[in-house]
C-alpha atoms as a PDB file:
ATOM      1  CA  MET A   1      -7.780  12.633  26.088  1.00  0.00           C
ATOM      2  CA  GLU A   2      -5.513  11.927  23.143  1.00  0.00           C
ATOM      3  CA  LYS A   3      -3.789  15.306  23.614  1.00  0.00           C
ATOM      4  CA  VAL A   4      -3.270  14.567  27.303  1.00  0.00           C
ATOM      5  CA  ILE A   5      -1.683  11.196  26.514  1.00  0.00           C
ATOM      6  CA  HIS A   6       0.571  12.820  23.912  1.00  0.00           C
ATOM      7  CA  GLY A   7       1.637  15.457  26.434  1.00  0.00           C
ATOM      8  CA  LEU A   8       2.393  12.848  29.083  1.00  0.00           C
ATOM      9  CA  HIS A   9       4.419  10.881  26.558  1.00  0.00           C
ATOM     10  CA  ALA A  10       6.484  13.994  25.845  1.00  0.00           C
ATOM     11  CA  VAL A  11       7.100  14.507  29.580  1.00  0.00           C
ATOM     12  CA  ALA A  12       8.197  10.893  29.975  1.00  0.00           C
ATOM     13  CA  GLU A  13      10.478  11.155  26.961  1.00  0.00           C
ATOM     14  CA  PHE A  14      12.036  14.380  28.239  1.00  0.00           C
ATOM     15  CA  LEU A  15      12.765  12.782  31.618  1.00  0.00           C
ATOM     16  CA  LYS A  16      14.162   9.656  29.975  1.00  0.00           C
ATOM     17  CA  TYR A  17      16.716  11.462  27.832  1.00  0.00           C
ATOM     18  CA  SER A  18      17.545  14.022  30.510  1.00  0.00           C
ATOM     19  CA  GLU A  19      18.599  11.113  32.714  1.00  0.00           C
ATOM     20  CA  GLN A  20      20.343   9.270  29.869  1.00  0.00           C
ATOM     21  CA  PHE A  21      22.454  12.265  28.837  1.00  0.00           C
ATOM     22  CA  LYS A  22      23.052  13.825  32.264  1.00  0.00           C
ATOM     23  CA  ASN A  23      26.676  12.682  32.576  1.00  0.00           C
ATOM     24  CA  ILE A  24      27.797  13.919  29.163  1.00  0.00           C
ATOM     25  CA  PRO A  25      30.028  16.982  29.667  1.00  0.00           C
ATOM     26  CA  GLY A  26      28.563  20.114  28.165  1.00  0.00           C
ATOM     27  CA  PHE A  27      26.741  23.361  28.715  1.00  0.00           C
ATOM     28  CA  LEU A  28      23.223  22.588  27.491  1.00  0.00           C
ATOM     29  CA  PHE A  29      20.163  22.613  29.746  1.00  0.00           C
ATOM     30  CA  PRO A  30      18.003  19.487  29.307  1.00  0.00           C
ATOM     31  CA  ALA A  31      15.062  21.628  28.160  1.00  0.00           C
ATOM     32  CA  GLU A  32      17.282  23.144  25.452  1.00  0.00           C
ATOM     33  CA  GLY A  33      18.375  19.674  24.404  1.00  0.00           C
ATOM     34  CA  TYR A  34      14.804  18.454  24.195  1.00  0.00           C
ATOM     35  CA  ALA A  35      13.876  21.476  22.076  1.00  0.00           C
ATOM     36  CA  LEU A  36      16.677  20.512  19.675  1.00  0.00           C
ATOM     37  CA  LEU A  37      15.432  16.920  19.652  1.00  0.00           C
ATOM     38  CA  LEU A  38      11.928  18.066  18.683  1.00  0.00           C
ATOM     39  CA  LEU A  39      13.258  20.392  15.981  1.00  0.00           C
ATOM     40  CA  ALA A  40      15.385  17.598  14.548  1.00  0.00           C
ATOM     41  CA  ARG A  41      12.433  15.216  14.588  1.00  0.00           C
ATOM     42  CA  HIS A  42       9.574  17.471  13.509  1.00  0.00           C
ATOM     43  CA  GLY A  43      11.204  20.710  12.326  1.00  0.00           C
ATOM     44  CA  PRO A  44      10.091  22.378   9.108  1.00  0.00           C
ATOM     45  CA  GLY A  45      11.999  22.791   5.877  1.00  0.00           C
ATOM     46  CA  GLN A  46      13.940  20.397   3.683  1.00  0.00           C
ATOM     47  CA  GLY A  47      17.581  19.456   4.007  1.00  0.00           C
ATOM     48  CA  GLU A  48      20.102  18.375   6.597  1.00  0.00           C
ATOM     49  CA  VAL A  49      20.782  19.077  10.262  1.00  0.00           C
ATOM     50  CA  VAL A  50      24.101  20.811  10.961  1.00  0.00           C
ATOM     51  CA  GLU A  51      25.587  21.884  14.270  1.00  0.00           C
ATOM     52  CA  ILE A  52      28.598  24.156  14.637  1.00  0.00           C
ATOM     53  CA  GLY A  53      30.361  23.480  17.906  1.00  0.00           C
ATOM     54  CA  SER A  54      29.984  19.883  19.077  1.00  0.00           C
ATOM     55  CA  PHE A  55      32.441  19.799  22.024  1.00  0.00           C
ATOM     56  CA  MET A  56      31.936  16.397  23.710  1.00  0.00           C
ATOM     57  CA  GLY A  57      28.663  15.586  22.003  1.00  0.00           C
ATOM     58  CA  LEU A  58      25.872  16.609  24.381  1.00  0.00           C
ATOM     59  CA  SER A  59      23.871  18.621  21.845  1.00  0.00           C
ATOM     60  CA  THR A  60      24.878  16.114  19.177  1.00  0.00           C
ATOM     61  CA  CYS A  61      23.178  13.323  21.113  1.00  0.00           C
ATOM     62  CA  TRP A  62      19.931  15.270  21.523  1.00  0.00           C
ATOM     63  CA  LEU A  63      19.860  16.098  17.803  1.00  0.00           C
ATOM     64  CA  ALA A  64      20.835  12.591  16.706  1.00  0.00           C
ATOM     65  CA  THR A  65      18.158  11.050  18.911  1.00  0.00           C
ATOM     66  CA  GLY A  66      15.499  13.234  17.325  1.00  0.00           C
ATOM     67  CA  LEU A  67      16.669  12.311  13.850  1.00  0.00           C
ATOM     68  CA  ALA A  68      16.888   8.605  14.636  1.00  0.00           C
ATOM     69  CA  SER A  69      13.336   8.511  15.962  1.00  0.00           C
ATOM     70  CA  ALA A  70      12.023  10.062  12.744  1.00  0.00           C
ATOM     71  CA  GLY A  71      14.355   8.412  10.257  1.00  0.00           C
ATOM     72  CA  ARG A  72      15.442  11.833   8.998  1.00  0.00           C
ATOM     73  CA  GLY A  73      19.153  11.268   8.419  1.00  0.00           C
ATOM     74  CA  LYS A  74      22.290  12.179  10.341  1.00  0.00           C
ATOM     75  CA  VAL A  75      23.661  15.178  12.208  1.00  0.00           C
ATOM     76  CA  THR A  76      26.665  16.833  10.605  1.00  0.00           C
ATOM     77  CA  ALA A  77      28.811  17.794  13.601  1.00  0.00           C
ATOM     78  CA  ILE A  78      31.321  20.535  12.817  1.00  0.00           C
ATOM     79  CA  ASP A  79      34.138  21.322  15.221  1.00  0.00           C
ATOM     80  CA  THR A  80      37.883  21.831  15.250  1.00  0.00           C
ATOM     81  CA  PHE A  81      37.921  19.592  18.339  1.00  0.00           C
ATOM     82  CA  GLN A  82      40.713  21.790  19.656  1.00  0.00           C
ATOM     83  CA  GLY A  83      38.404  23.760  21.914  1.00  0.00           C
ATOM     84  CA  SER A  84      36.815  27.113  21.211  1.00  0.00           C
ATOM     85  CA  PRO A  85      38.338  30.182  22.943  1.00  0.00           C
ATOM     86  CA  GLU A  86      36.118  29.817  26.015  1.00  0.00           C
ATOM     87  CA  HIS A  87      37.055  26.140  26.321  1.00  0.00           C
ATOM     88  CA  GLN A  88      40.760  26.933  26.041  1.00  0.00           C
ATOM     89  CA  ALA A  89      40.418  29.404  28.903  1.00  0.00           C
ATOM     90  CA  ASP A  90      38.762  26.812  31.176  1.00  0.00           C
ATOM     91  CA  PRO A  91      41.349  25.302  33.565  1.00  0.00           C
ATOM     92  CA  HIS A  92      39.271  22.100  33.887  1.00  0.00           C
ATOM     93  CA  LEU A  93      39.609  21.428  30.157  1.00  0.00           C
ATOM     94  CA  LYS A  94      43.282  22.239  29.690  1.00  0.00           C
ATOM     95  CA  LYS A  95      44.478  18.630  29.997  1.00  0.00           C
ATOM     96  CA  VAL A  96      42.098  17.081  27.462  1.00  0.00           C
ATOM     97  CA  LEU A  97      42.730  19.948  25.048  1.00  0.00           C
ATOM     98  CA  ALA A  98      46.507  19.889  25.515  1.00  0.00           C
ATOM     99  CA  GLU A  99      46.547  16.150  24.815  1.00  0.00           C
ATOM    100  CA  GLY A 100      44.427  16.596  21.706  1.00  0.00           C
ATOM    101  CA  LYS A 101      41.840  14.124  22.951  1.00  0.00           C
ATOM    102  CA  LEU A 102      38.638  16.109  22.520  1.00  0.00           C
ATOM    103  CA  PHE A 103      37.600  14.273  19.352  1.00  0.00           C
ATOM    104  CA  ASP A 104      38.331  10.936  21.051  1.00  0.00           C
ATOM    105  CA  ALA A 105      36.116  11.958  23.985  1.00  0.00           C
ATOM    106  CA  PHE A 106      33.371  13.027  21.560  1.00  0.00           C
ATOM    107  CA  SER A 107      33.581   9.702  19.704  1.00  0.00           C
ATOM    108  CA  VAL A 108      33.421   7.684  22.932  1.00  0.00           C
ATOM    109  CA  VAL A 109      30.240   9.493  23.987  1.00  0.00           C
ATOM    110  CA  LEU A 110      28.551   8.712  20.669  1.00  0.00           C
ATOM    111  CA  GLU A 111      29.541   5.047  20.905  1.00  0.00           C
ATOM    112  CA  GLN A 112      28.329   4.776  24.494  1.00  0.00           C
ATOM    113  CA  GLN A 113      24.980   6.282  23.527  1.00  0.00           C
ATOM    114  CA  GLY A 114      24.617   4.062  20.462  1.00  0.00           C
ATOM    115  CA  LEU A 115      24.440   7.107  18.202  1.00  0.00           C
ATOM    116  CA  ALA A 116      27.691   6.938  16.232  1.00  0.00           C
ATOM    117  CA  GLY A 117      25.798   5.848  13.125  1.00  0.00           C
ATOM    118  CA  GLN A 118      23.562   8.930  13.356  1.00  0.00           C
ATOM    119  CA  VAL A 119      26.427  11.446  13.251  1.00  0.00           C
ATOM    120  CA  GLN A 120      28.765  12.599  10.496  1.00  0.00           C
ATOM    121  CA  PRO A 121      31.647  14.530  12.114  1.00  0.00           C
ATOM    122  CA  LEU A 122      33.492  17.127  10.066  1.00  0.00           C
ATOM    123  CA  VAL A 123      36.745  18.088  11.764  1.00  0.00           C
ATOM    124  CA  GLY A 124      37.963  21.574  10.896  1.00  0.00           C
ATOM    125  CA  ASN A 125      37.287  25.268  10.924  1.00  0.00           C
ATOM    126  CA  SER A 126      33.637  26.023  10.143  1.00  0.00           C
ATOM    127  CA  HIS A 127      34.597  28.878   7.812  1.00  0.00           C
ATOM    128  CA  ASP A 128      36.748  26.581   5.682  1.00  0.00           C
ATOM    129  CA  LEU A 129      34.197  23.784   5.717  1.00  0.00           C
ATOM    130  CA  ALA A 130      31.419  26.154   4.623  1.00  0.00           C
ATOM    131  CA  ALA A 131      33.416  26.869   1.470  1.00  0.00           C
ATOM    132  CA  THR A 132      33.086  23.204   0.480  1.00  0.00           C
ATOM    133  CA  TRP A 133      29.438  22.718   1.486  1.00  0.00           C
ATOM    134  CA  ASN A 134      26.739  22.518  -1.197  1.00  0.00           C
ATOM    135  CA  ARG A 135      23.654  20.893   0.377  1.00  0.00           C
ATOM    136  CA  PRO A 136      20.466  22.447   1.773  1.00  0.00           C
ATOM    137  CA  ILE A 137      20.073  22.671   5.534  1.00  0.00           C
ATOM    138  CA  ARG A 138      16.775  22.570   7.405  1.00  0.00           C
ATOM    139  CA  LEU A 139      18.191  23.013  10.923  1.00  0.00           C
ATOM    140  CA  LEU A 140      21.373  24.942  11.700  1.00  0.00           C
ATOM    141  CA  PHE A 141      22.521  25.038  15.331  1.00  0.00           C
ATOM    142  CA  ILE A 142      25.216  27.655  16.003  1.00  0.00           C
ATOM    143  CA  ASP A 143      27.155  27.011  19.222  1.00  0.00           C
ATOM    144  CA  GLY A 144      30.818  27.451  18.316  1.00  0.00           C
ATOM    145  CA  ASP A 145      32.990  30.516  18.923  1.00  0.00           C
ATOM    146  CA  HIS A 146      30.879  32.678  21.256  1.00  0.00           C
ATOM    147  CA  SER A 147      32.510  36.002  20.376  1.00  0.00           C
ATOM    148  CA  TYR A 148      30.411  38.437  18.364  1.00  0.00           C
ATOM    149  CA  GLU A 149      32.661  38.051  15.340  1.00  0.00           C
ATOM    150  CA  GLY A 150      32.666  34.271  15.680  1.00  0.00           C
ATOM    151  CA  VAL A 151      28.865  34.067  15.761  1.00  0.00           C
ATOM    152  CA  ARG A 152      28.567  36.561  12.910  1.00  0.00           C
ATOM    153  CA  ARG A 153      31.019  34.617  10.775  1.00  0.00           C
ATOM    154  CA  ASP A 154      29.284  31.283  11.392  1.00  0.00           C
ATOM    155  CA  PHE A 155      25.896  32.782  10.523  1.00  0.00           C
ATOM    156  CA  VAL A 156      27.126  34.508   7.362  1.00  0.00           C
ATOM    157  CA  ASP A 157      29.022  31.417   6.178  1.00  0.00           C
ATOM    158  CA  TRP A 158      26.214  28.922   6.744  1.00  0.00           C
ATOM    159  CA  GLU A 159      22.818  30.608   6.646  1.00  0.00           C
ATOM    160  CA  ARG A 160      22.832  30.801   2.842  1.00  0.00           C
ATOM    161  CA  PHE A 161      22.389  27.019   2.810  1.00  0.00           C
ATOM    162  CA  VAL A 162      19.328  27.125   5.079  1.00  0.00           C
ATOM    163  CA  ALA A 163      16.241  26.285   3.030  1.00  0.00           C
ATOM    164  CA  PRO A 164      13.165  28.516   3.181  1.00  0.00           C
ATOM    165  CA  GLY A 165      11.128  27.399   6.142  1.00  0.00           C
ATOM    166  CA  GLY A 166      14.243  26.009   7.806  1.00  0.00           C
ATOM    167  CA  VAL A 167      15.395  26.940  11.300  1.00  0.00           C
ATOM    168  CA  VAL A 168      18.531  28.594  12.684  1.00  0.00           C
ATOM    169  CA  CYS A 169      19.195  28.200  16.424  1.00  0.00           C
ATOM    170  CA  PHE A 170      21.620  30.102  18.635  1.00  0.00           C
ATOM    171  CA  HIS A 171      22.788  28.902  22.038  1.00  0.00           C
ATOM    172  CA  ASP A 172      23.840  30.965  25.077  1.00  0.00           C
ATOM    173  CA  VAL A 173      21.774  34.071  24.356  1.00  0.00           C
ATOM    174  CA  GLY A 174      21.890  36.029  27.594  1.00  0.00           C
ATOM    175  CA  GLY A 175      24.865  34.018  28.800  1.00  0.00           C
ATOM    176  CA  TRP A 176      27.633  35.225  26.486  1.00  0.00           C
ATOM    177  CA  ASP A 177      27.976  38.848  25.406  1.00  0.00           C
ATOM    178  CA  GLY A 178      28.953  38.097  21.807  1.00  0.00           C
ATOM    179  CA  VAL A 179      26.013  35.781  21.172  1.00  0.00           C
ATOM    180  CA  THR A 180      23.599  38.129  22.936  1.00  0.00           C
ATOM    181  CA  LYS A 181      24.777  41.150  20.957  1.00  0.00           C
ATOM    182  CA  PHE A 182      24.375  39.323  17.650  1.00  0.00           C
ATOM    183  CA  TYR A 183      20.906  38.153  18.653  1.00  0.00           C
ATOM    184  CA  THR A 184      19.670  41.592  19.702  1.00  0.00           C
ATOM    185  CA  GLU A 185      21.381  43.706  17.045  1.00  0.00           C
ATOM    186  CA  LYS A 186      21.104  41.434  14.010  1.00  0.00           C
ATOM    187  CA  MET A 187      18.654  38.565  14.367  1.00  0.00           C
ATOM    188  CA  GLN A 188      15.799  40.354  16.098  1.00  0.00           C
ATOM    189  CA  LYS A 189      15.802  42.875  13.243  1.00  0.00           C
ATOM    190  CA  HIS A 190      16.668  40.523  10.390  1.00  0.00           C
ATOM    191  CA  PRO A 191      14.121  40.893   7.557  1.00  0.00           C
ATOM    192  CA  GLY A 192      14.697  37.355   6.348  1.00  0.00           C
ATOM    193  CA  TYR A 193      13.950  35.584   9.631  1.00  0.00           C
ATOM    194  CA  ARG A 194      11.121  35.360  12.145  1.00  0.00           C
ATOM    195  CA  GLU A 195      11.826  34.448  15.755  1.00  0.00           C
ATOM    196  CA  ALA A 196       9.978  31.265  16.686  1.00  0.00           C
ATOM    197  CA  VAL A 197      10.596  30.142  20.256  1.00  0.00           C
ATOM    198  CA  GLY A 198      13.061  30.535  23.098  1.00  0.00           C
ATOM    199  CA  VAL A 199      13.990  27.877  25.665  1.00  0.00           C
ATOM    200  CA  ASN A 200      16.373  29.032  28.389  1.00  0.00           C
ATOM    201  CA  SER A 201      19.303  30.460  26.396  1.00  0.00           C
ATOM    202  CA  LEU A 202      18.287  28.795  23.109  1.00  0.00           C
ATOM    203  CA  ARG A 203      16.707  31.025  20.448  1.00  0.00           C
ATOM    204  CA  SER A 204      15.323  29.791  17.129  1.00  0.00           C
ATOM    205  CA  PHE A 205      14.479  31.609  13.930  1.00  0.00           C
ATOM    206  CA  ILE A 206      12.511  30.460  10.882  1.00  0.00           C
ATOM    207  CA  LYS A 207      13.852  31.505   7.490  1.00  0.00           C
ATOM    208  CA  LEU A 208      11.222  33.323   5.446  1.00  0.00           C
ATOM    209  CA  GLY A 209      10.611  33.152   1.739  1.00  0.00           C
END
């Protein structure tokens, strides 16, 4: 019976946060967000939680909520806040990007959700920021530039900080050619990682060793 109650609690929690975050602009399915929440809360490994590609904060809120519930620190949210190439090509986003208000929109979302204290934004290019990083990471969520080269660069720059037993997640596998190609050609054959679980377009890998 205890397992049943725990399962029902998880269902209720999923529905609660799906409703709470439903109006935040973004491209994350609620089930993907809840998977990130659980990884942030219970995920293996030692170190910090880092996401590359925060946009308006949808994934950030799922991650921050998981961390807050477990008292496991803050999310480091890395983004240029100028829009990735796919955002810049979206006619619905041109105004907010042209006015340079993406970071303001991101900050407002965090304040509205009561999660600003759970997030450490780093504004800049992820490649440049990786050169200054020196802390272990237990959960790395890659959702920035969706081109093959962009995904490859983010993985190469940041995965060296992922602690053994830590997790690397990729978003939009099957939805964007660059991400899908990197997943099938590199990650599925990577000797240093074992694929753990997939939820919609989210794929996660555990670092071995």
